[in-house]
Amino acid sequence: MTETPSVAGLVLAGGLARRMGGGAKALKHLAGRPLLAHVLARITPQCHAIVLNANGDPGAYETFGYPVLADVVDGFAGPLAGVLTGLEWLDRTREADWLLTVPTDAPFLPDDLVARLLAGIPAGAEVAVARSEGRTHPVVALWHRTLLQPLRTALVAQDIRKIDRFTAGRQTVHVDWPTVGGDPFLNINTPEELVAAETRFNAAT
């Protein structure tokens, strides 16, 4: 019997949230709870360990009870900096073989996210990226721990900032999800989208 690979989860909460009016998007409320709380409720049962990637005051996330990692590169270098931060943490701790990354603004993530991504990984693949209705979601992905050095080189030495540009040069697979009942990877970038998500959340409960 093949052992299921171990997976640690990293919530990417290090963005500047300009379109939301600034501040920590992770702490914006949906249905009475912070967006981060919704995301954690979805992925915690699926992962062996959880960490948060956030810049600024780590005390703002103290009540969630998980370690907070600031970007290991300066200048708000985008989500790839968060992925690198997570892979460096994974290298230090040896918590898992794979790192799941998810954004803090996707409160409807599927309950089978990890299982479905793992099932879609063929031998030799390094990255598994979620996809729905033909659209890829680069920050919703599994990253193998061996990507640490290639990603560090790409981000620091080559100044590659876009996830798609990095994964295009790696062994990457895309795993499809149905969207019956709404796209599970809906992300919230504006106050208007937060209102729409509230409506969807209320309709589902």
N, C-alpha and C. Protein backbone atom coordinates (compact mmCIF):
# COMPACT_ATOMS: atom_id res chain seq x y z
N MET A 1 0.85 -1.20 0.00
CA MET A 1 0.00 0.00 0.00
C MET A 1 0.89 1.25 0.00
N THR A 2 0.64 2.15 -0.95
CA THR A 2 1.44 3.37 -1.07
C THR A 2 1.03 4.38 -0.01
N GLU A 3 2.03 4.93 0.68
CA GLU A 3 1.75 5.91 1.72
C GLU A 3 1.39 7.25 1.09
N THR A 4 0.36 7.90 1.63
CA THR A 4 -0.06 9.21 1.12
C THR A 4 1.01 10.24 1.44
N PRO A 5 1.45 11.04 0.45
CA PRO A 5 2.47 12.06 0.71
C PRO A 5 1.98 13.06 1.76
N SER A 6 2.92 13.54 2.57
CA SER A 6 2.58 14.53 3.58
C SER A 6 2.51 15.92 2.96
N VAL A 7 1.56 16.73 3.45
CA VAL A 7 1.31 18.06 2.89
C VAL A 7 1.21 19.07 4.03
N ALA A 8 1.96 20.15 3.92
CA ALA A 8 1.82 21.29 4.84
C ALA A 8 1.14 22.42 4.09
N GLY A 9 0.35 23.21 4.79
CA GLY A 9 -0.40 24.29 4.15
C GLY A 9 0.16 25.66 4.49
N LEU A 10 0.23 26.52 3.48
CA LEU A 10 0.68 27.89 3.65
C LEU A 10 -0.38 28.84 3.11
N VAL A 11 -0.91 29.69 3.96
CA VAL A 11 -1.89 30.70 3.53
C VAL A 11 -1.14 31.97 3.18
N LEU A 12 -1.28 32.42 1.94
CA LEU A 12 -0.60 33.62 1.46
C LEU A 12 -1.41 34.85 1.83
N ALA A 13 -0.93 35.56 2.83
CA ALA A 13 -1.64 36.75 3.32
C ALA A 13 -0.72 37.96 3.34
N GLY A 14 0.28 37.96 2.45
CA GLY A 14 1.29 39.01 2.50
C GLY A 14 1.07 40.17 1.56
N GLY A 15 -0.06 40.18 0.82
CA GLY A 15 -0.31 41.23 -0.15
C GLY A 15 -0.69 42.56 0.48
N LEU A 16 -0.74 43.60 -0.36
CA LEU A 16 -1.04 44.95 0.12
C LEU A 16 -2.53 45.29 0.08
N ALA A 17 -3.34 44.49 -0.62
CA ALA A 17 -4.81 44.67 -0.64
C ALA A 17 -5.21 46.08 -1.07
N ARG A 18 -4.56 46.62 -2.09
CA ARG A 18 -4.86 47.99 -2.51
C ARG A 18 -6.31 48.13 -2.98
N ARG A 19 -6.81 47.13 -3.72
CA ARG A 19 -8.17 47.23 -4.25
C ARG A 19 -9.24 47.08 -3.17
N MET A 20 -8.83 46.60 -1.99
CA MET A 20 -9.76 46.49 -0.87
C MET A 20 -9.67 47.72 0.03
N GLY A 21 -8.90 48.71 -0.39
CA GLY A 21 -8.75 49.91 0.41
C GLY A 21 -7.59 49.86 1.37
N GLY A 22 -6.70 48.87 1.19
CA GLY A 22 -5.53 48.75 2.04
C GLY A 22 -5.81 47.95 3.31
N GLY A 23 -4.79 47.78 4.11
CA GLY A 23 -4.94 46.99 5.33
C GLY A 23 -4.77 45.51 5.04
N ALA A 24 -4.98 44.69 6.05
CA ALA A 24 -4.81 43.25 5.92
C ALA A 24 -6.09 42.62 5.38
N LYS A 25 -6.03 42.16 4.15
CA LYS A 25 -7.22 41.54 3.55
C LYS A 25 -7.67 40.32 4.35
N ALA A 26 -6.71 39.60 4.89
CA ALA A 26 -7.02 38.39 5.65
C ALA A 26 -7.97 38.64 6.80
N LEU A 27 -7.97 39.88 7.31
CA LEU A 27 -8.79 40.20 8.48
C LEU A 27 -10.11 40.86 8.13
N LYS A 28 -10.37 41.08 6.83
CA LYS A 28 -11.68 41.58 6.42
C LYS A 28 -12.73 40.52 6.73
N HIS A 29 -13.91 40.96 7.13
CA HIS A 29 -14.91 40.01 7.59
C HIS A 29 -15.87 39.57 6.49
N LEU A 30 -16.17 38.28 6.51
CA LEU A 30 -17.20 37.66 5.68
C LEU A 30 -18.08 36.82 6.59
N ALA A 31 -19.37 37.11 6.60
CA ALA A 31 -20.32 36.37 7.44
C ALA A 31 -19.86 36.33 8.90
N GLY A 32 -19.34 37.46 9.38
CA GLY A 32 -19.01 37.58 10.78
C GLY A 32 -17.65 37.03 11.19
N ARG A 33 -16.89 36.52 10.24
CA ARG A 33 -15.56 35.99 10.56
C ARG A 33 -14.54 36.53 9.57
N PRO A 34 -13.27 36.64 9.98
CA PRO A 34 -12.24 37.07 9.03
C PRO A 34 -12.12 36.10 7.85
N LEU A 35 -11.76 36.63 6.70
CA LEU A 35 -11.55 35.77 5.54
C LEU A 35 -10.56 34.65 5.87
N LEU A 36 -9.51 34.98 6.60
CA LEU A 36 -8.52 33.98 6.96
C LEU A 36 -9.14 32.82 7.72
N ALA A 37 -10.10 33.10 8.59
CA ALA A 37 -10.74 32.03 9.35
C ALA A 37 -11.48 31.06 8.44
N HIS A 38 -12.12 31.59 7.40
CA HIS A 38 -12.83 30.73 6.44
C HIS A 38 -11.84 29.83 5.70
N VAL A 39 -10.72 30.42 5.27
CA VAL A 39 -9.72 29.64 4.54
C VAL A 39 -9.11 28.56 5.43
N LEU A 40 -8.78 28.91 6.65
CA LEU A 40 -8.21 27.93 7.57
C LEU A 40 -9.18 26.79 7.85
N ALA A 41 -10.45 27.11 7.99
CA ALA A 41 -11.44 26.06 8.24
C ALA A 41 -11.49 25.06 7.09
N ARG A 42 -11.21 25.54 5.88
CA ARG A 42 -11.24 24.67 4.70
C ARG A 42 -10.00 23.78 4.61
N ILE A 43 -8.83 24.34 4.88
CA ILE A 43 -7.61 23.58 4.58
C ILE A 43 -7.00 22.86 5.78
N THR A 44 -7.29 23.31 7.00
CA THR A 44 -6.66 22.69 8.16
C THR A 44 -6.90 21.19 8.24
N PRO A 45 -8.13 20.69 7.98
CA PRO A 45 -8.33 19.24 8.05
C PRO A 45 -7.57 18.47 6.96
N GLN A 46 -7.07 19.19 5.96
CA GLN A 46 -6.43 18.52 4.83
C GLN A 46 -4.90 18.49 4.92
N CYS A 47 -4.33 19.18 5.91
CA CYS A 47 -2.89 19.37 5.97
C CYS A 47 -2.30 18.85 7.28
N HIS A 48 -1.03 18.45 7.23
CA HIS A 48 -0.33 17.97 8.41
C HIS A 48 0.11 19.12 9.31
N ALA A 49 0.33 20.29 8.73
CA ALA A 49 0.76 21.47 9.47
C ALA A 49 0.31 22.70 8.69
N ILE A 50 0.17 23.82 9.39
CA ILE A 50 -0.29 25.07 8.78
C ILE A 50 0.62 26.21 9.22
N VAL A 51 0.98 27.08 8.28
CA VAL A 51 1.67 28.33 8.60
C VAL A 51 1.05 29.45 7.78
N LEU A 52 1.25 30.68 8.24
CA LEU A 52 0.73 31.85 7.56
C LEU A 52 1.90 32.66 7.02
N ASN A 53 1.73 33.21 5.83
CA ASN A 53 2.71 34.13 5.25
C ASN A 53 2.11 35.52 5.27
N ALA A 54 2.63 36.39 6.11
CA ALA A 54 2.10 37.74 6.22
C ALA A 54 3.22 38.69 6.60
N ASN A 55 3.18 39.88 6.04
CA ASN A 55 4.16 40.91 6.36
C ASN A 55 3.53 41.92 7.32
N GLY A 56 4.34 42.69 7.99
CA GLY A 56 3.81 43.62 8.97
C GLY A 56 3.83 43.01 10.36
N ASP A 57 2.89 43.43 11.19
CA ASP A 57 2.85 43.01 12.59
C ASP A 57 2.30 41.59 12.70
N PRO A 58 3.12 40.61 13.09
CA PRO A 58 2.61 39.24 13.23
C PRO A 58 1.58 39.10 14.34
N GLY A 59 1.57 40.07 15.28
CA GLY A 59 0.61 40.01 16.36
C GLY A 59 -0.83 40.11 15.90
N ALA A 60 -1.04 40.66 14.71
CA ALA A 60 -2.40 40.77 14.18
C ALA A 60 -3.03 39.41 13.93
N TYR A 61 -2.19 38.39 13.83
CA TYR A 61 -2.68 37.04 13.52
C TYR A 61 -2.53 36.08 14.71
N GLU A 62 -2.19 36.62 15.85
CA GLU A 62 -1.90 35.78 17.01
C GLU A 62 -3.08 34.91 17.41
N THR A 63 -4.28 35.44 17.29
CA THR A 63 -5.46 34.69 17.74
C THR A 63 -5.72 33.44 16.90
N PHE A 64 -5.13 33.34 15.71
CA PHE A 64 -5.37 32.17 14.87
C PHE A 64 -4.52 30.97 15.31
N GLY A 65 -3.45 31.24 16.05
CA GLY A 65 -2.69 30.15 16.65
C GLY A 65 -1.70 29.44 15.75
N TYR A 66 -1.33 30.05 14.62
CA TYR A 66 -0.37 29.42 13.72
C TYR A 66 0.86 30.31 13.56
N PRO A 67 2.01 29.70 13.26
CA PRO A 67 3.22 30.52 13.02
C PRO A 67 3.00 31.48 11.86
N VAL A 68 3.59 32.67 11.98
CA VAL A 68 3.49 33.69 10.93
C VAL A 68 4.89 33.92 10.36
N LEU A 69 5.02 33.76 9.05
CA LEU A 69 6.31 33.91 8.38
C LEU A 69 6.26 35.13 7.48
N ALA A 70 7.17 36.07 7.69
CA ALA A 70 7.30 37.21 6.78
C ALA A 70 8.10 36.77 5.56
N ASP A 71 7.90 37.47 4.44
CA ASP A 71 8.64 37.15 3.22
C ASP A 71 10.15 37.13 3.49
N VAL A 72 10.81 36.16 2.90
CA VAL A 72 12.26 36.06 3.08
C VAL A 72 13.02 36.97 2.11
N VAL A 73 12.29 37.61 1.19
CA VAL A 73 12.89 38.62 0.32
C VAL A 73 12.15 39.93 0.54
N ASP A 74 12.84 41.04 0.39
CA ASP A 74 12.26 42.35 0.65
C ASP A 74 11.48 42.88 -0.54
N GLY A 75 10.64 43.88 -0.29
CA GLY A 75 10.02 44.64 -1.36
C GLY A 75 8.68 44.14 -1.85
N PHE A 76 7.95 43.34 -1.04
CA PHE A 76 6.64 42.84 -1.46
C PHE A 76 6.74 42.26 -2.88
N ALA A 77 7.52 41.20 -3.01
CA ALA A 77 7.82 40.61 -4.31
C ALA A 77 6.72 39.74 -4.87
N GLY A 78 5.55 39.72 -4.22
CA GLY A 78 4.42 38.98 -4.76
C GLY A 78 4.32 37.57 -4.20
N PRO A 79 3.35 36.81 -4.71
CA PRO A 79 3.10 35.48 -4.14
C PRO A 79 4.26 34.50 -4.26
N LEU A 80 5.11 34.66 -5.29
CA LEU A 80 6.26 33.76 -5.38
C LEU A 80 7.18 33.91 -4.17
N ALA A 81 7.26 35.12 -3.63
CA ALA A 81 8.05 35.33 -2.42
C ALA A 81 7.45 34.54 -1.26
N GLY A 82 6.13 34.48 -1.21
CA GLY A 82 5.47 33.69 -0.18
C GLY A 82 5.73 32.21 -0.35
N VAL A 83 5.70 31.75 -1.60
CA VAL A 83 5.99 30.33 -1.87
C VAL A 83 7.42 30.01 -1.44
N LEU A 84 8.36 30.87 -1.80
CA LEU A 84 9.75 30.65 -1.38
C LEU A 84 9.87 30.63 0.13
N THR A 85 9.18 31.52 0.80
CA THR A 85 9.19 31.56 2.26
C THR A 85 8.69 30.24 2.83
N GLY A 86 7.61 29.73 2.26
CA GLY A 86 7.07 28.45 2.72
C GLY A 86 8.00 27.28 2.46
N LEU A 87 8.64 27.27 1.31
CA LEU A 87 9.57 26.19 0.99
C LEU A 87 10.81 26.24 1.88
N GLU A 88 11.26 27.44 2.23
CA GLU A 88 12.40 27.53 3.16
C GLU A 88 12.00 27.02 4.54
N TRP A 89 10.80 27.36 4.98
CA TRP A 89 10.30 26.83 6.26
C TRP A 89 10.21 25.31 6.20
N LEU A 90 9.72 24.78 5.07
CA LEU A 90 9.59 23.33 4.92
C LEU A 90 10.96 22.67 4.96
N ASP A 91 11.96 23.31 4.37
CA ASP A 91 13.32 22.77 4.37
C ASP A 91 13.88 22.72 5.79
N ARG A 92 13.55 23.72 6.59
CA ARG A 92 14.05 23.77 7.97
C ARG A 92 13.35 22.75 8.86
N THR A 93 12.06 22.62 8.70
CA THR A 93 11.26 21.83 9.63
C THR A 93 11.05 20.39 9.22
N ARG A 94 11.14 20.14 7.89
CA ARG A 94 10.86 18.81 7.36
C ARG A 94 9.46 18.33 7.73
N GLU A 95 8.52 19.28 7.75
CA GLU A 95 7.15 18.96 8.13
C GLU A 95 6.44 18.08 7.10
N ALA A 96 6.82 18.20 5.81
CA ALA A 96 6.07 17.51 4.78
C ALA A 96 6.90 17.43 3.50
N ASP A 97 6.39 16.64 2.55
CA ASP A 97 7.03 16.52 1.24
C ASP A 97 6.53 17.60 0.28
N TRP A 98 5.30 18.03 0.50
CA TRP A 98 4.66 18.98 -0.41
C TRP A 98 4.16 20.18 0.38
N LEU A 99 4.15 21.33 -0.28
CA LEU A 99 3.61 22.56 0.30
C LEU A 99 2.38 22.96 -0.49
N LEU A 100 1.24 23.05 0.21
CA LEU A 100 0.03 23.59 -0.40
C LEU A 100 0.00 25.09 -0.17
N THR A 101 -0.17 25.86 -1.23
CA THR A 101 -0.36 27.29 -1.07
C THR A 101 -1.78 27.66 -1.48
N VAL A 102 -2.38 28.56 -0.70
CA VAL A 102 -3.71 29.08 -1.01
C VAL A 102 -3.72 30.56 -0.65
N PRO A 103 -4.55 31.34 -1.33
CA PRO A 103 -4.66 32.75 -0.98
C PRO A 103 -5.59 32.95 0.20
N THR A 104 -5.44 34.06 0.87
CA THR A 104 -6.28 34.34 2.03
C THR A 104 -7.67 34.83 1.65
N ASP A 105 -7.89 35.10 0.34
CA ASP A 105 -9.15 35.69 -0.09
C ASP A 105 -10.02 34.71 -0.86
N ALA A 106 -9.86 33.41 -0.63
CA ALA A 106 -10.65 32.38 -1.33
C ALA A 106 -11.42 31.56 -0.30
N PRO A 107 -12.56 32.04 0.15
CA PRO A 107 -13.25 31.39 1.27
C PRO A 107 -14.04 30.15 0.91
N PHE A 108 -14.10 29.79 -0.40
CA PHE A 108 -14.90 28.65 -0.81
C PHE A 108 -14.04 27.49 -1.31
N LEU A 109 -12.81 27.40 -0.87
CA LEU A 109 -11.91 26.34 -1.31
C LEU A 109 -12.53 24.96 -1.09
N PRO A 110 -12.30 24.03 -2.01
CA PRO A 110 -12.95 22.71 -1.89
C PRO A 110 -12.38 21.86 -0.77
N ASP A 111 -13.22 21.02 -0.22
CA ASP A 111 -12.80 20.14 0.87
C ASP A 111 -11.88 19.02 0.38
N ASP A 112 -11.87 18.78 -0.93
CA ASP A 112 -11.01 17.73 -1.49
C ASP A 112 -9.80 18.31 -2.20
N LEU A 113 -9.41 19.53 -1.83
CA LEU A 113 -8.34 20.22 -2.53
C LEU A 113 -7.05 19.41 -2.54
N VAL A 114 -6.57 19.02 -1.38
CA VAL A 114 -5.30 18.30 -1.31
C VAL A 114 -5.41 16.94 -1.97
N ALA A 115 -6.47 16.20 -1.67
CA ALA A 115 -6.61 14.85 -2.21
C ALA A 115 -6.67 14.87 -3.73
N ARG A 116 -7.39 15.81 -4.28
CA ARG A 116 -7.54 15.87 -5.74
C ARG A 116 -6.24 16.31 -6.42
N LEU A 117 -5.54 17.27 -5.81
CA LEU A 117 -4.26 17.69 -6.38
C LEU A 117 -3.26 16.54 -6.33
N LEU A 118 -3.17 15.85 -5.20
CA LEU A 118 -2.24 14.72 -5.10
C LEU A 118 -2.57 13.64 -6.11
N ALA A 119 -3.86 13.37 -6.29
CA ALA A 119 -4.26 12.32 -7.23
C ALA A 119 -3.91 12.69 -8.66
N GLY A 120 -3.78 13.98 -8.95
CA GLY A 120 -3.49 14.41 -10.31
C GLY A 120 -2.02 14.53 -10.62
N ILE A 121 -1.17 14.19 -9.66
CA ILE A 121 0.28 14.35 -9.86
C ILE A 121 0.89 13.06 -10.41
N PRO A 122 1.41 13.09 -11.64
CA PRO A 122 2.12 11.92 -12.16
C PRO A 122 3.54 11.87 -11.61
N ALA A 123 4.19 10.75 -11.82
CA ALA A 123 5.57 10.61 -11.38
C ALA A 123 6.44 11.68 -12.02
N GLY A 124 7.26 12.32 -11.22
CA GLY A 124 8.18 13.31 -11.73
C GLY A 124 7.67 14.73 -11.72
N ALA A 125 6.37 14.93 -11.46
CA ALA A 125 5.81 16.29 -11.44
C ALA A 125 6.30 17.02 -10.20
N GLU A 126 6.47 18.34 -10.35
CA GLU A 126 6.97 19.17 -9.26
C GLU A 126 5.91 20.12 -8.72
N VAL A 127 4.93 20.47 -9.56
CA VAL A 127 3.90 21.43 -9.18
C VAL A 127 2.56 20.93 -9.71
N ALA A 128 1.52 21.04 -8.89
CA ALA A 128 0.15 20.76 -9.33
C ALA A 128 -0.69 21.99 -9.06
N VAL A 129 -1.27 22.56 -10.12
CA VAL A 129 -2.01 23.81 -10.03
C VAL A 129 -3.50 23.56 -10.27
N ALA A 130 -4.34 24.17 -9.45
CA ALA A 130 -5.78 24.02 -9.60
C ALA A 130 -6.27 24.79 -10.83
N ARG A 131 -7.34 24.25 -11.44
CA ARG A 131 -7.92 24.90 -12.62
C ARG A 131 -9.43 24.68 -12.60
N SER A 132 -10.20 25.68 -13.00
CA SER A 132 -11.65 25.55 -13.11
C SER A 132 -12.12 26.32 -14.33
N GLU A 133 -13.00 25.70 -15.10
CA GLU A 133 -13.53 26.30 -16.32
C GLU A 133 -12.42 26.81 -17.24
N GLY A 134 -11.34 26.06 -17.31
CA GLY A 134 -10.24 26.42 -18.18
C GLY A 134 -9.32 27.50 -17.65
N ARG A 135 -9.61 28.03 -16.47
CA ARG A 135 -8.80 29.09 -15.89
C ARG A 135 -7.93 28.52 -14.79
N THR A 136 -6.63 28.78 -14.88
CA THR A 136 -5.72 28.30 -13.85
C THR A 136 -5.72 29.25 -12.66
N HIS A 137 -5.40 28.70 -11.49
CA HIS A 137 -5.33 29.47 -10.25
C HIS A 137 -3.94 29.24 -9.66
N PRO A 138 -2.94 29.99 -10.14
CA PRO A 138 -1.54 29.68 -9.82
C PRO A 138 -1.20 29.67 -8.34
N VAL A 139 -1.93 30.45 -7.52
CA VAL A 139 -1.58 30.46 -6.09
C VAL A 139 -2.24 29.32 -5.33
N VAL A 140 -3.12 28.57 -6.00
CA VAL A 140 -3.71 27.37 -5.39
C VAL A 140 -2.97 26.18 -5.97
N ALA A 141 -1.97 25.71 -5.27
CA ALA A 141 -1.08 24.72 -5.88
C ALA A 141 -0.35 23.92 -4.82
N LEU A 142 0.14 22.76 -5.26
CA LEU A 142 1.06 21.95 -4.47
C LEU A 142 2.45 22.10 -5.06
N TRP A 143 3.44 22.34 -4.20
CA TRP A 143 4.83 22.54 -4.60
C TRP A 143 5.69 21.50 -3.90
N HIS A 144 6.49 20.76 -4.67
CA HIS A 144 7.36 19.78 -4.03
C HIS A 144 8.53 20.49 -3.35
N ARG A 145 8.96 19.95 -2.24
CA ARG A 145 9.99 20.61 -1.44
C ARG A 145 11.31 20.78 -2.19
N THR A 146 11.55 19.97 -3.22
CA THR A 146 12.80 20.07 -3.98
C THR A 146 12.85 21.32 -4.87
N LEU A 147 11.78 22.08 -4.92
CA LEU A 147 11.75 23.30 -5.72
C LEU A 147 12.42 24.48 -5.01
N LEU A 148 12.86 24.30 -3.79
CA LEU A 148 13.42 25.41 -3.03
C LEU A 148 14.55 26.12 -3.78
N GLN A 149 15.56 25.39 -4.18
CA GLN A 149 16.70 26.03 -4.83
C GLN A 149 16.36 26.62 -6.20
N PRO A 150 15.62 25.91 -7.06
CA PRO A 150 15.24 26.52 -8.33
C PRO A 150 14.41 27.79 -8.16
N LEU A 151 13.52 27.80 -7.18
CA LEU A 151 12.70 28.99 -6.98
C LEU A 151 13.53 30.14 -6.40
N ARG A 152 14.44 29.84 -5.50
CA ARG A 152 15.30 30.89 -4.96
C ARG A 152 16.12 31.53 -6.08
N THR A 153 16.65 30.72 -6.98
CA THR A 153 17.42 31.24 -8.11
C THR A 153 16.55 32.10 -9.02
N ALA A 154 15.34 31.60 -9.31
CA ALA A 154 14.44 32.33 -10.21
C ALA A 154 14.03 33.67 -9.62
N LEU A 155 13.71 33.68 -8.35
CA LEU A 155 13.19 34.90 -7.73
C LEU A 155 14.29 35.89 -7.39
N VAL A 156 15.37 35.41 -6.83
CA VAL A 156 16.42 36.30 -6.34
C VAL A 156 17.42 36.66 -7.44
N ALA A 157 17.89 35.65 -8.17
CA ALA A 157 18.93 35.90 -9.17
C ALA A 157 18.37 36.36 -10.51
N GLN A 158 17.18 35.85 -10.88
CA GLN A 158 16.62 36.16 -12.20
C GLN A 158 15.45 37.14 -12.14
N ASP A 159 15.05 37.51 -10.94
CA ASP A 159 13.96 38.47 -10.74
C ASP A 159 12.66 38.05 -11.40
N ILE A 160 12.39 36.76 -11.41
CA ILE A 160 11.10 36.26 -11.91
C ILE A 160 10.07 36.45 -10.81
N ARG A 161 9.00 37.17 -11.13
CA ARG A 161 7.98 37.49 -10.13
C ARG A 161 6.65 36.77 -10.37
N LYS A 162 6.37 36.38 -11.60
CA LYS A 162 5.07 35.77 -11.91
C LYS A 162 5.14 34.25 -11.74
N ILE A 163 4.14 33.72 -11.05
CA ILE A 163 4.10 32.28 -10.81
C ILE A 163 4.08 31.52 -12.12
N ASP A 164 3.25 31.94 -13.07
CA ASP A 164 3.13 31.23 -14.33
C ASP A 164 4.46 31.15 -15.07
N ARG A 165 5.24 32.20 -14.98
CA ARG A 165 6.53 32.20 -15.65
C ARG A 165 7.47 31.17 -15.03
N PHE A 166 7.42 31.05 -13.72
CA PHE A 166 8.26 30.06 -13.06
C PHE A 166 7.78 28.64 -13.35
N THR A 167 6.49 28.39 -13.18
CA THR A 167 5.99 27.03 -13.35
C THR A 167 6.07 26.55 -14.80
N ALA A 168 6.11 27.49 -15.76
CA ALA A 168 6.23 27.10 -17.17
C ALA A 168 7.54 26.36 -17.43
N GLY A 169 8.53 26.60 -16.61
CA GLY A 169 9.82 25.95 -16.78
C GLY A 169 10.02 24.73 -15.90
N ARG A 170 8.97 24.32 -15.19
CA ARG A 170 9.05 23.17 -14.30
C ARG A 170 8.09 22.08 -14.76
N GLN A 171 8.16 20.93 -14.11
CA GLN A 171 7.24 19.83 -14.42
C GLN A 171 5.91 20.10 -13.72
N THR A 172 5.01 20.76 -14.44
CA THR A 172 3.76 21.26 -13.85
C THR A 172 2.55 20.56 -14.47
N VAL A 173 1.59 20.21 -13.62
CA VAL A 173 0.32 19.65 -14.10
C VAL A 173 -0.81 20.54 -13.61
N HIS A 174 -1.93 20.49 -14.32
CA HIS A 174 -3.12 21.24 -13.93
C HIS A 174 -4.24 20.25 -13.61
N VAL A 175 -4.92 20.52 -12.53
CA VAL A 175 -5.97 19.62 -12.04
C VAL A 175 -7.30 20.37 -12.06
N ASP A 176 -8.29 19.80 -12.74
CA ASP A 176 -9.56 20.49 -12.96
C ASP A 176 -10.59 20.21 -11.87
N TRP A 177 -11.40 21.24 -11.60
CA TRP A 177 -12.51 21.15 -10.65
C TRP A 177 -13.81 21.56 -11.33
N PRO A 178 -14.91 20.92 -10.93
CA PRO A 178 -16.23 21.39 -11.40
C PRO A 178 -16.62 22.68 -10.69
N THR A 179 -17.53 23.41 -11.29
CA THR A 179 -17.96 24.69 -10.70
C THR A 179 -19.46 24.69 -10.42
N VAL A 180 -20.05 23.52 -10.27
CA VAL A 180 -21.47 23.45 -9.90
C VAL A 180 -21.64 24.10 -8.53
N GLY A 181 -22.55 25.06 -8.46
CA GLY A 181 -22.75 25.78 -7.21
C GLY A 181 -21.81 26.95 -7.02
N GLY A 182 -20.99 27.22 -8.04
CA GLY A 182 -20.06 28.35 -7.95
C GLY A 182 -18.61 27.89 -8.01
N ASP A 183 -17.76 28.78 -8.46
CA ASP A 183 -16.35 28.46 -8.57
C ASP A 183 -15.73 28.34 -7.18
N PRO A 184 -15.15 27.19 -6.85
CA PRO A 184 -14.57 27.04 -5.51
C PRO A 184 -13.33 27.90 -5.29
N PHE A 185 -12.80 28.47 -6.37
CA PHE A 185 -11.58 29.27 -6.26
C PHE A 185 -11.85 30.76 -6.42
N LEU A 186 -13.11 31.13 -6.26
CA LEU A 186 -13.45 32.55 -6.28
C LEU A 186 -12.58 33.30 -5.27
N ASN A 187 -11.94 34.36 -5.74
CA ASN A 187 -11.16 35.17 -4.81
C ASN A 187 -11.73 36.59 -4.75
N ILE A 188 -11.53 37.22 -3.62
CA ILE A 188 -12.16 38.50 -3.31
C ILE A 188 -11.11 39.60 -3.34
N ASN A 189 -11.28 40.54 -4.27
CA ASN A 189 -10.30 41.61 -4.43
C ASN A 189 -10.84 43.00 -4.14
N THR A 190 -12.17 43.16 -4.14
CA THR A 190 -12.76 44.48 -3.97
C THR A 190 -13.88 44.40 -2.92
N PRO A 191 -14.28 45.55 -2.38
CA PRO A 191 -15.42 45.54 -1.44
C PRO A 191 -16.69 45.00 -2.08
N GLU A 192 -16.86 45.26 -3.37
CA GLU A 192 -18.06 44.77 -4.06
C GLU A 192 -18.04 43.24 -4.15
N GLU A 193 -16.88 42.67 -4.39
CA GLU A 193 -16.77 41.21 -4.45
C GLU A 193 -16.97 40.59 -3.07
N LEU A 194 -16.62 41.31 -2.04
CA LEU A 194 -16.86 40.83 -0.69
C LEU A 194 -18.35 40.76 -0.40
N VAL A 195 -19.08 41.76 -0.86
CA VAL A 195 -20.54 41.76 -0.70
C VAL A 195 -21.15 40.59 -1.46
N ALA A 196 -20.69 40.36 -2.69
CA ALA A 196 -21.21 39.25 -3.49
C ALA A 196 -20.91 37.91 -2.84
N ALA A 197 -19.73 37.79 -2.24
CA ALA A 197 -19.37 36.55 -1.55
C ALA A 197 -20.25 36.33 -0.33
N GLU A 198 -20.62 37.42 0.33
CA GLU A 198 -21.53 37.31 1.49
C GLU A 198 -22.87 36.74 1.04
N THR A 199 -23.35 37.20 -0.10
CA THR A 199 -24.62 36.70 -0.63
C THR A 199 -24.51 35.20 -0.94
N ARG A 200 -23.42 34.81 -1.58
CA ARG A 200 -23.21 33.39 -1.90
C ARG A 200 -23.10 32.55 -0.63
N PHE A 201 -22.38 33.06 0.35
CA PHE A 201 -22.22 32.32 1.60
C PHE A 201 -23.57 32.12 2.29
N ASN A 202 -24.37 33.17 2.34
CA ASN A 202 -25.68 33.07 2.99
C ASN A 202 -26.61 32.12 2.25
N ALA A 203 -26.49 32.09 0.93
CA ALA A 203 -27.34 31.20 0.14
C ALA A 203 -26.99 29.74 0.34
N ALA A 204 -25.73 29.48 0.71
CA ALA A 204 -25.27 28.10 0.89
C ALA A 204 -25.48 27.59 2.30
N THR A 205 -25.89 28.47 3.23
CA THR A 205 -26.05 28.05 4.62
C THR A 205 -27.51 28.06 5.03
